[in-house]
């Protein structure tokens, strides 16, 4: 498949059971119909399962859990 923006070849990556098309040239991320909704549904389910915290601030020395949107950058690694 070719990138709609720059016509370079797209690479396919699997992320949380969803295939994402990535352009290495323009760094575009392309999703097929329904794939964004799948990613959002999985992220919402993960947030619902997370236990509520009385302290929402990030403490020094602790790593915070990344959101699904932040983890999309991992497809380029």
PDB file of N, CA and C in Angstrom:
ATOM      1  N   UNK A   1       0.849  -1.169   0.000  1.00  0.00           N
ATOM      2  CA  UNK A   1       0.000   0.000   0.000  1.00  0.00           C
ATOM      3  C   UNK A   1       0.902   1.242   0.000  1.00  0.00           C
ATOM      4  N   UNK A   2       0.442   2.316  -0.586  1.00  0.00           N
ATOM      5  CA  UNK A   2       1.198   3.549  -0.695  1.00  0.00           C
ATOM      6  C   UNK A   2       0.611   4.609   0.237  1.00  0.00           C
ATOM      7  N   UNK A   3       1.475   5.502   0.724  1.00  0.00           N
ATOM      8  CA  UNK A   3       1.062   6.587   1.611  1.00  0.00           C
ATOM      9  C   UNK A   3       0.207   7.588   0.827  1.00  0.00           C
ATOM     10  N   UNK A   4      -0.953   7.951   1.341  1.00  0.00           N
ATOM     11  CA  UNK A   4      -1.792   8.936   0.657  1.00  0.00           C
ATOM     12  C   UNK A   4      -1.151  10.326   0.586  1.00  0.00           C
ATOM     13  N   UNK A   5      -0.234  10.603   1.487  1.00  0.00           N
ATOM     14  CA  UNK A   5       0.385  11.929   1.528  1.00  0.00           C
ATOM     15  C   UNK A   5       1.600  12.031   0.616  1.00  0.00           C
ATOM     16  N   UNK A   6       2.557  11.085   0.724  1.00  0.00           N
ATOM     17  CA  UNK A   6       3.823  11.230   0.002  1.00  0.00           C
ATOM     18  C   UNK A   6       4.099  10.107  -0.990  1.00  0.00           C
ATOM     19  N   UNK A   7       3.203   9.153  -1.109  1.00  0.00           N
ATOM     20  CA  UNK A   7       3.304   8.039  -2.055  1.00  0.00           C
ATOM     21  C   UNK A   7       4.407   7.025  -1.738  1.00  0.00           C
ATOM     22  N   UNK A   8       5.018   7.095  -0.551  1.00  0.00           N
ATOM     23  CA  UNK A   8       6.009   6.102  -0.142  1.00  0.00           C
ATOM     24  C   UNK A   8       5.293   4.817   0.290  1.00  0.00           C
ATOM     25  N   UNK A   9       6.026   3.734   0.330  1.00  0.00           N
ATOM     26  CA  UNK A   9       5.457   2.456   0.760  1.00  0.00           C
ATOM     27  C   UNK A   9       5.155   2.500   2.256  1.00  0.00           C
ATOM     28  N   UNK A  10       4.031   1.933   2.646  1.00  0.00           N
ATOM     29  CA  UNK A  10       3.634   1.881   4.050  1.00  0.00           C
ATOM     30  C   UNK A  10       4.060   0.550   4.665  1.00  0.00           C
ATOM     31  N   UNK A  11       4.465   0.607   5.914  1.00  0.00           N
ATOM     32  CA  UNK A  11       4.795  -0.593   6.682  1.00  0.00           C
ATOM     33  C   UNK A  11       3.630  -0.875   7.619  1.00  0.00           C
ATOM     34  N   UNK A  12       3.317  -2.149   7.807  1.00  0.00           N
ATOM     35  CA  UNK A  12       2.236  -2.533   8.715  1.00  0.00           C
ATOM     36  C   UNK A  12       2.822  -2.945  10.053  1.00  0.00           C
ATOM     37  N   UNK A  13       2.229  -2.459  11.125  1.00  0.00           N
ATOM     38  CA  UNK A  13       2.620  -2.829  12.493  1.00  0.00           C
ATOM     39  C   UNK A  13       1.371  -3.233  13.259  1.00  0.00           C
ATOM     40  N   UNK A  14       1.529  -4.210  14.119  1.00  0.00           N
ATOM     41  CA  UNK A  14       0.437  -4.678  14.973  1.00  0.00           C
ATOM     42  C   UNK A  14       0.534  -3.963  16.312  1.00  0.00           C
ATOM     43  N   UNK A  15      -0.559  -3.380  16.764  1.00  0.00           N
ATOM     44  CA  UNK A  15      -0.590  -2.678  18.057  1.00  0.00           C
ATOM     45  C   UNK A  15      -1.897  -3.005  18.753  1.00  0.00           C
ATOM     46  N   UNK A  16      -1.835  -3.718  19.854  1.00  0.00           N
ATOM     47  CA  UNK A  16      -3.027  -4.097  20.627  1.00  0.00           C
ATOM     48  C   UNK A  16      -4.080  -4.782  19.762  1.00  0.00           C
ATOM     49  N   UNK A  17      -3.625  -5.649  18.864  1.00  0.00           N
ATOM     50  CA  UNK A  17      -4.552  -6.388  18.015  1.00  0.00           C
ATOM     51  C   UNK A  17      -5.082  -5.600  16.834  1.00  0.00           C
ATOM     52  N   UNK A  18      -4.559  -4.412  16.591  1.00  0.00           N
ATOM     53  CA  UNK A  18      -4.993  -3.569  15.482  1.00  0.00           C
ATOM     54  C   UNK A  18      -3.799  -3.349  14.559  1.00  0.00           C
ATOM     55  N   UNK A  19      -4.002  -3.520  13.261  1.00  0.00           N
ATOM     56  CA  UNK A  19      -2.940  -3.290  12.290  1.00  0.00           C
ATOM     57  C   UNK A  19      -2.914  -1.817  11.912  1.00  0.00           C
ATOM     58  N   UNK A  20      -1.761  -1.205  12.080  1.00  0.00           N
ATOM     59  CA  UNK A  20      -1.577   0.215  11.801  1.00  0.00           C
ATOM     60  C   UNK A  20      -0.617   0.343  10.630  1.00  0.00           C
ATOM     61  N   UNK A  21      -0.946   1.175   9.650  1.00  0.00           N
ATOM     62  CA  UNK A  21      -0.065   1.440   8.520  1.00  0.00           C
ATOM     63  C   UNK A  21       0.761   2.674   8.834  1.00  0.00           C
ATOM     64  N   UNK A  22       2.092   2.567   8.672  1.00  0.00           N
ATOM     65  CA  UNK A  22       3.002   3.639   9.043  1.00  0.00           C
ATOM     66  C   UNK A  22       3.872   4.005   7.845  1.00  0.00           C
ATOM     67  N   UNK A  23       4.030   5.308   7.626  1.00  0.00           N
ATOM     68  CA  UNK A  23       4.905   5.806   6.577  1.00  0.00           C
ATOM     69  C   UNK A  23       6.212   6.262   7.222  1.00  0.00           C
ATOM     70  N   UNK A  24       7.325   5.633   6.824  1.00  0.00           N
ATOM     71  CA  UNK A  24       8.627   6.001   7.376  1.00  0.00           C
ATOM     72  C   UNK A  24       9.107   7.332   6.806  1.00  0.00           C
ATOM     73  N   UNK A  25       8.597   7.724   5.659  1.00  0.00           N
ATOM     74  CA  UNK A  25       9.035   8.953   5.005  1.00  0.00           C
ATOM     75  C   UNK A  25       8.452  10.199   5.683  1.00  0.00           C
ATOM     76  N   UNK A  26       7.132  10.280   5.772  1.00  0.00           N
ATOM     77  CA  UNK A  26       6.486  11.463   6.372  1.00  0.00           C
ATOM     78  C   UNK A  26       6.044  11.218   7.809  1.00  0.00           C
ATOM     79  N   UNK A  27       6.271   9.982   8.324  1.00  0.00           N
ATOM     80  CA  UNK A  27       5.913   9.573   9.688  1.00  0.00           C
ATOM     81  C   UNK A  27       4.404   9.632   9.936  1.00  0.00           C
ATOM     82  N   UNK A  28       3.638   9.462   8.891  1.00  0.00           N
ATOM     83  CA  UNK A  28       2.181   9.426   9.021  1.00  0.00           C
ATOM     84  C   UNK A  28       1.712   8.080   9.554  1.00  0.00           C
ATOM     85  N   UNK A  29       0.611   8.101  10.277  1.00  0.00           N
ATOM     86  CA  UNK A  29      -0.016   6.885  10.792  1.00  0.00           C
ATOM     87  C   UNK A  29      -1.392   6.803  10.169  1.00  0.00           C
ATOM     88  N   UNK A  30      -1.683   5.691   9.532  1.00  0.00           N
ATOM     89  CA  UNK A  30      -2.933   5.521   8.816  1.00  0.00           C
ATOM     90  C   UNK A  30      -3.688   4.334   9.387  1.00  0.00           C
ATOM     91  N   UNK A  31      -4.971   4.537   9.656  1.00  0.00           N
ATOM     92  CA  UNK A  31      -5.831   3.494  10.210  1.00  0.00           C
ATOM     93  C   UNK A  31      -6.944   3.184   9.226  1.00  0.00           C
ATOM     94  N   UNK A  32      -7.314   1.913   9.165  1.00  0.00           N
ATOM     95  CA  UNK A  32      -8.449   1.527   8.343  1.00  0.00           C
ATOM     96  C   UNK A  32      -9.740   1.784   9.125  1.00  0.00           C
ATOM     97  N   UNK A  33     -10.848   1.647   8.443  1.00  0.00           N
ATOM     98  CA  UNK A  33     -12.149   1.900   9.056  1.00  0.00           C
ATOM     99  C   UNK A  33     -12.335   1.059  10.316  1.00  0.00           C
ATOM    100  N   UNK A  34     -12.719   1.706  11.391  1.00  0.00           N
ATOM    101  CA  UNK A  34     -13.024   1.027  12.645  1.00  0.00           C
ATOM    102  C   UNK A  34     -11.837   0.795  13.566  1.00  0.00           C
ATOM    103  N   UNK A  35     -10.604   0.979  13.075  1.00  0.00           N
ATOM    104  CA  UNK A  35      -9.443   0.699  13.909  1.00  0.00           C
ATOM    105  C   UNK A  35      -9.249   1.721  15.024  1.00  0.00           C
ATOM    106  N   UNK A  36      -9.533   2.991  14.764  1.00  0.00           N
ATOM    107  CA  UNK A  36      -9.434   4.004  15.812  1.00  0.00           C
ATOM    108  C   UNK A  36     -10.438   3.715  16.920  1.00  0.00           C
ATOM    109  N   UNK A  37     -11.644   3.323  16.556  1.00  0.00           N
ATOM    110  CA  UNK A  37     -12.655   2.994  17.562  1.00  0.00           C
ATOM    111  C   UNK A  37     -12.215   1.812  18.420  1.00  0.00           C
ATOM    112  N   UNK A  38     -11.549   0.826  17.817  1.00  0.00           N
ATOM    113  CA  UNK A  38     -11.035  -0.323  18.583  1.00  0.00           C
ATOM    114  C   UNK A  38      -9.986   0.124  19.589  1.00  0.00           C
ATOM    115  N   UNK A  39      -9.061   0.992  19.151  1.00  0.00           N
ATOM    116  CA  UNK A  39      -8.025   1.481  20.055  1.00  0.00           C
ATOM    117  C   UNK A  39      -8.623   2.295  21.196  1.00  0.00           C
ATOM    118  N   UNK A  40      -9.612   3.132  20.894  1.00  0.00           N
ATOM    119  CA  UNK A  40     -10.263   3.945  21.926  1.00  0.00           C
ATOM    120  C   UNK A  40     -11.016   3.056  22.910  1.00  0.00           C
ATOM    121  N   UNK A  41     -11.701   2.031  22.407  1.00  0.00           N
ATOM    122  CA  UNK A  41     -12.442   1.122  23.284  1.00  0.00           C
ATOM    123  C   UNK A  41     -11.498   0.381  24.229  1.00  0.00           C
ATOM    124  N   UNK A  42     -10.357  -0.053  23.727  1.00  0.00           N
ATOM    125  CA  UNK A  42      -9.379  -0.748  24.580  1.00  0.00           C
ATOM    126  C   UNK A  42      -8.797   0.196  25.625  1.00  0.00           C
ATOM    127  N   UNK A  43      -8.522   1.438  25.224  1.00  0.00           N
ATOM    128  CA  UNK A  43      -7.982   2.415  26.171  1.00  0.00           C
ATOM    129  C   UNK A  43      -9.011   2.742  27.250  1.00  0.00           C
ATOM    130  N   UNK A  44     -10.268   2.870  26.868  1.00  0.00           N
ATOM    131  CA  UNK A  44     -11.331   3.154  27.846  1.00  0.00           C
ATOM    132  C   UNK A  44     -11.479   2.000  28.823  1.00  0.00           C
ATOM    133  N   UNK A  45     -11.397   0.772  28.313  1.00  0.00           N
ATOM    134  CA  UNK A  45     -11.510  -0.399  29.184  1.00  0.00           C
ATOM    135  C   UNK A  45     -10.338  -0.445  30.162  1.00  0.00           C
ATOM    136  N   UNK A  46      -9.144  -0.087  29.695  1.00  0.00           N
ATOM    137  CA  UNK A  46      -7.972  -0.089  30.579  1.00  0.00           C
ATOM    138  C   UNK A  46      -8.122   0.970  31.671  1.00  0.00           C
ATOM    139  N   UNK A  47      -8.679   2.119  31.335  1.00  0.00           N
ATOM    140  CA  UNK A  47      -8.886   3.164  32.335  1.00  0.00           C
ATOM    141  C   UNK A  47      -9.951   2.758  33.350  1.00  0.00           C
ATOM    142  N   UNK A  48     -10.982   2.055  32.892  1.00  0.00           N
ATOM    143  CA  UNK A  48     -12.033   1.597  33.802  1.00  0.00           C
ATOM    144  C   UNK A  48     -11.508   0.557  34.781  1.00  0.00           C
ATOM    145  N   UNK A  49     -10.523  -0.245  34.362  1.00  0.00           N
ATOM    146  CA  UNK A  49      -9.968  -1.286  35.219  1.00  0.00           C
ATOM    147  C   UNK A  49      -8.950  -0.746  36.216  1.00  0.00           C
ATOM    148  N   UNK A  50      -8.395   0.423  35.949  1.00  0.00           N
ATOM    149  CA  UNK A  50      -7.373   0.995  36.831  1.00  0.00           C
ATOM    150  C   UNK A  50      -7.995   1.383  38.167  1.00  0.00           C
ATOM    151  N   UNK A  51      -7.346   1.030  39.270  1.00  0.00           N
ATOM    152  CA  UNK A  51      -7.890   1.398  40.579  1.00  0.00           C
ATOM    153  C   UNK A  51      -7.788   2.911  40.786  1.00  0.00           C
ATOM    154  N   UNK A  52      -8.806   3.500  41.414  1.00  0.00           N
ATOM    155  CA  UNK A  52      -8.747   4.940  41.666  1.00  0.00           C
ATOM    156  C   UNK A  52      -7.645   5.257  42.669  1.00  0.00           C
ATOM    157  N   UNK A  53      -7.019   6.371  42.459  1.00  0.00           N
ATOM    158  CA  UNK A  53      -5.922   6.790  43.325  1.00  0.00           C
ATOM    159  C   UNK A  53      -6.340   8.052  44.067  1.00  0.00           C
ATOM    160  N   UNK A  54      -6.004   8.122  45.343  1.00  0.00           N
ATOM    161  CA  UNK A  54      -6.349   9.322  46.113  1.00  0.00           C
ATOM    162  C   UNK A  54      -5.384  10.455  45.804  1.00  0.00           C
ATOM    163  N   UNK A  55      -4.184  10.111  45.329  1.00  0.00           N
ATOM    164  CA  UNK A  55      -3.190  11.134  44.982  1.00  0.00           C
ATOM    165  C   UNK A  55      -2.931  11.054  43.488  1.00  0.00           C
ATOM    166  N   UNK A  56      -3.443  12.009  42.730  1.00  0.00           N
ATOM    167  CA  UNK A  56      -3.324  11.985  41.278  1.00  0.00           C
ATOM    168  C   UNK A  56      -2.035  12.619  40.781  1.00  0.00           C
ATOM    169  N   UNK A  57      -1.259  13.174  41.680  1.00  0.00           N
ATOM    170  CA  UNK A  57      -0.015  13.805  41.265  1.00  0.00           C
ATOM    171  C   UNK A  57       1.062  12.757  41.034  1.00  0.00           C
ATOM    172  N   UNK A  58       1.973  13.085  40.149  1.00  0.00           N
ATOM    173  CA  UNK A  58       3.102  12.198  39.865  1.00  0.00           C
ATOM    174  C   UNK A  58       4.170  12.408  40.929  1.00  0.00           C
ATOM    175  N   UNK A  59       4.535  11.349  41.601  1.00  0.00           N
ATOM    176  CA  UNK A  59       5.547  11.445  42.652  1.00  0.00           C
ATOM    177  C   UNK A  59       6.931  11.265  42.049  1.00  0.00           C
ATOM    178  N   UNK A  60       7.927  11.985  42.556  1.00  0.00           N
ATOM    179  CA  UNK A  60       9.297  11.802  42.060  1.00  0.00           C
ATOM    180  C   UNK A  60       9.755  10.363  42.271  1.00  0.00           C
ATOM    181  N   UNK A  61      10.428   9.820  41.273  1.00  0.00           N
ATOM    182  CA  UNK A  61      10.918   8.455  41.373  1.00  0.00           C
ATOM    183  C   UNK A  61       9.925   7.409  40.903  1.00  0.00           C
ATOM    184  N   UNK A  62       8.694   7.791  40.665  1.00  0.00           N
ATOM    185  CA  UNK A  62       7.688   6.857  40.177  1.00  0.00           C
ATOM    186  C   UNK A  62       7.425   7.121  38.715  1.00  0.00           C
ATOM    187  N   UNK A  63       7.225   6.044  37.980  1.00  0.00           N
ATOM    188  CA  UNK A  63       6.876   6.187  36.575  1.00  0.00           C
ATOM    189  C   UNK A  63       5.368   6.125  36.455  1.00  0.00           C
ATOM    190  N   UNK A  64       4.815   7.037  35.685  1.00  0.00           N
ATOM    191  CA  UNK A  64       3.376   6.994  35.481  1.00  0.00           C
ATOM    192  C   UNK A  64       3.065   6.108  34.284  1.00  0.00           C
ATOM    193  N   UNK A  65       1.898   5.528  34.280  1.00  0.00           N
ATOM    194  CA  UNK A  65       1.484   4.681  33.183  1.00  0.00           C
ATOM    195  C   UNK A  65       1.178   5.560  31.976  1.00  0.00           C
ATOM    196  N   UNK A  66       1.695   5.142  30.818  1.00  0.00           N
ATOM    197  CA  UNK A  66       1.472   5.923  29.612  1.00  0.00           C
ATOM    198  C   UNK A  66       0.072   5.673  29.067  1.00  0.00           C
ATOM    199  N   UNK A  67      -0.489   6.688  28.444  1.00  0.00           N
ATOM    200  CA  UNK A  67      -1.798   6.537  27.834  1.00  0.00           C
ATOM    201  C   UNK A  67      -1.660   5.793  26.510  1.00  0.00           C
ATOM    202  N   UNK A  68      -2.776   5.326  25.961  1.00  0.00           N
ATOM    203  CA  UNK A  68      -2.749   4.604  24.695  1.00  0.00           C
ATOM    204  C   UNK A  68      -2.239   5.509  23.580  1.00  0.00           C
ATOM    205  N   UNK A  69      -2.520   6.806  23.676  1.00  0.00           N
ATOM    206  CA  UNK A  69      -2.077   7.733  22.646  1.00  0.00           C
ATOM    207  C   UNK A  69      -0.556   7.889  22.683  1.00  0.00           C
ATOM    208  N   UNK A  70       0.008   7.965  23.890  1.00  0.00           N
ATOM    209  CA  UNK A  70       1.458   8.055  24.021  1.00  0.00           C
ATOM    210  C   UNK A  70       2.146   6.794  23.544  1.00  0.00           C
ATOM    211  N   UNK A  71       1.503   5.642  23.699  1.00  0.00           N
ATOM    212  CA  UNK A  71       2.112   4.386  23.308  1.00  0.00           C
ATOM    213  C   UNK A  71       2.082   4.191  21.797  1.00  0.00           C
ATOM    214  N   UNK A  72       1.306   4.980  21.063  1.00  0.00           N
ATOM    215  CA  UNK A  72       1.296   4.859  19.609  1.00  0.00           C
ATOM    216  C   UNK A  72       2.674   5.164  19.024  1.00  0.00           C
ATOM    217  N   UNK A  73       3.443   6.002  19.700  1.00  0.00           N
ATOM    218  CA  UNK A  73       4.796   6.310  19.228  1.00  0.00           C
ATOM    219  C   UNK A  73       5.708   5.098  19.208  1.00  0.00           C
ATOM    220  N   UNK A  74       5.371   4.063  19.980  1.00  0.00           N
ATOM    221  CA  UNK A  74       6.190   2.850  20.018  1.00  0.00           C
ATOM    222  C   UNK A  74       6.199   2.113  18.688  1.00  0.00           C
ATOM    223  N   UNK A  75       5.222   2.340  17.841  1.00  0.00           N
ATOM    224  CA  UNK A  75       5.178   1.632  16.571  1.00  0.00           C
ATOM    225  C   UNK A  75       6.334   2.039  15.673  1.00  0.00           C
ATOM    226  N   UNK A  76       6.981   3.178  15.955  1.00  0.00           N
ATOM    227  CA  UNK A  76       8.115   3.608  15.155  1.00  0.00           C
ATOM    228  C   UNK A  76       9.423   3.015  15.650  1.00  0.00           C
ATOM    229  N   UNK A  77       9.437   2.407  16.808  1.00  0.00           N
ATOM    230  CA  UNK A  77      10.673   1.833  17.360  1.00  0.00           C
ATOM    231  C   UNK A  77      10.935   0.460  16.787  1.00  0.00           C
TER     232      UNK A  77
END
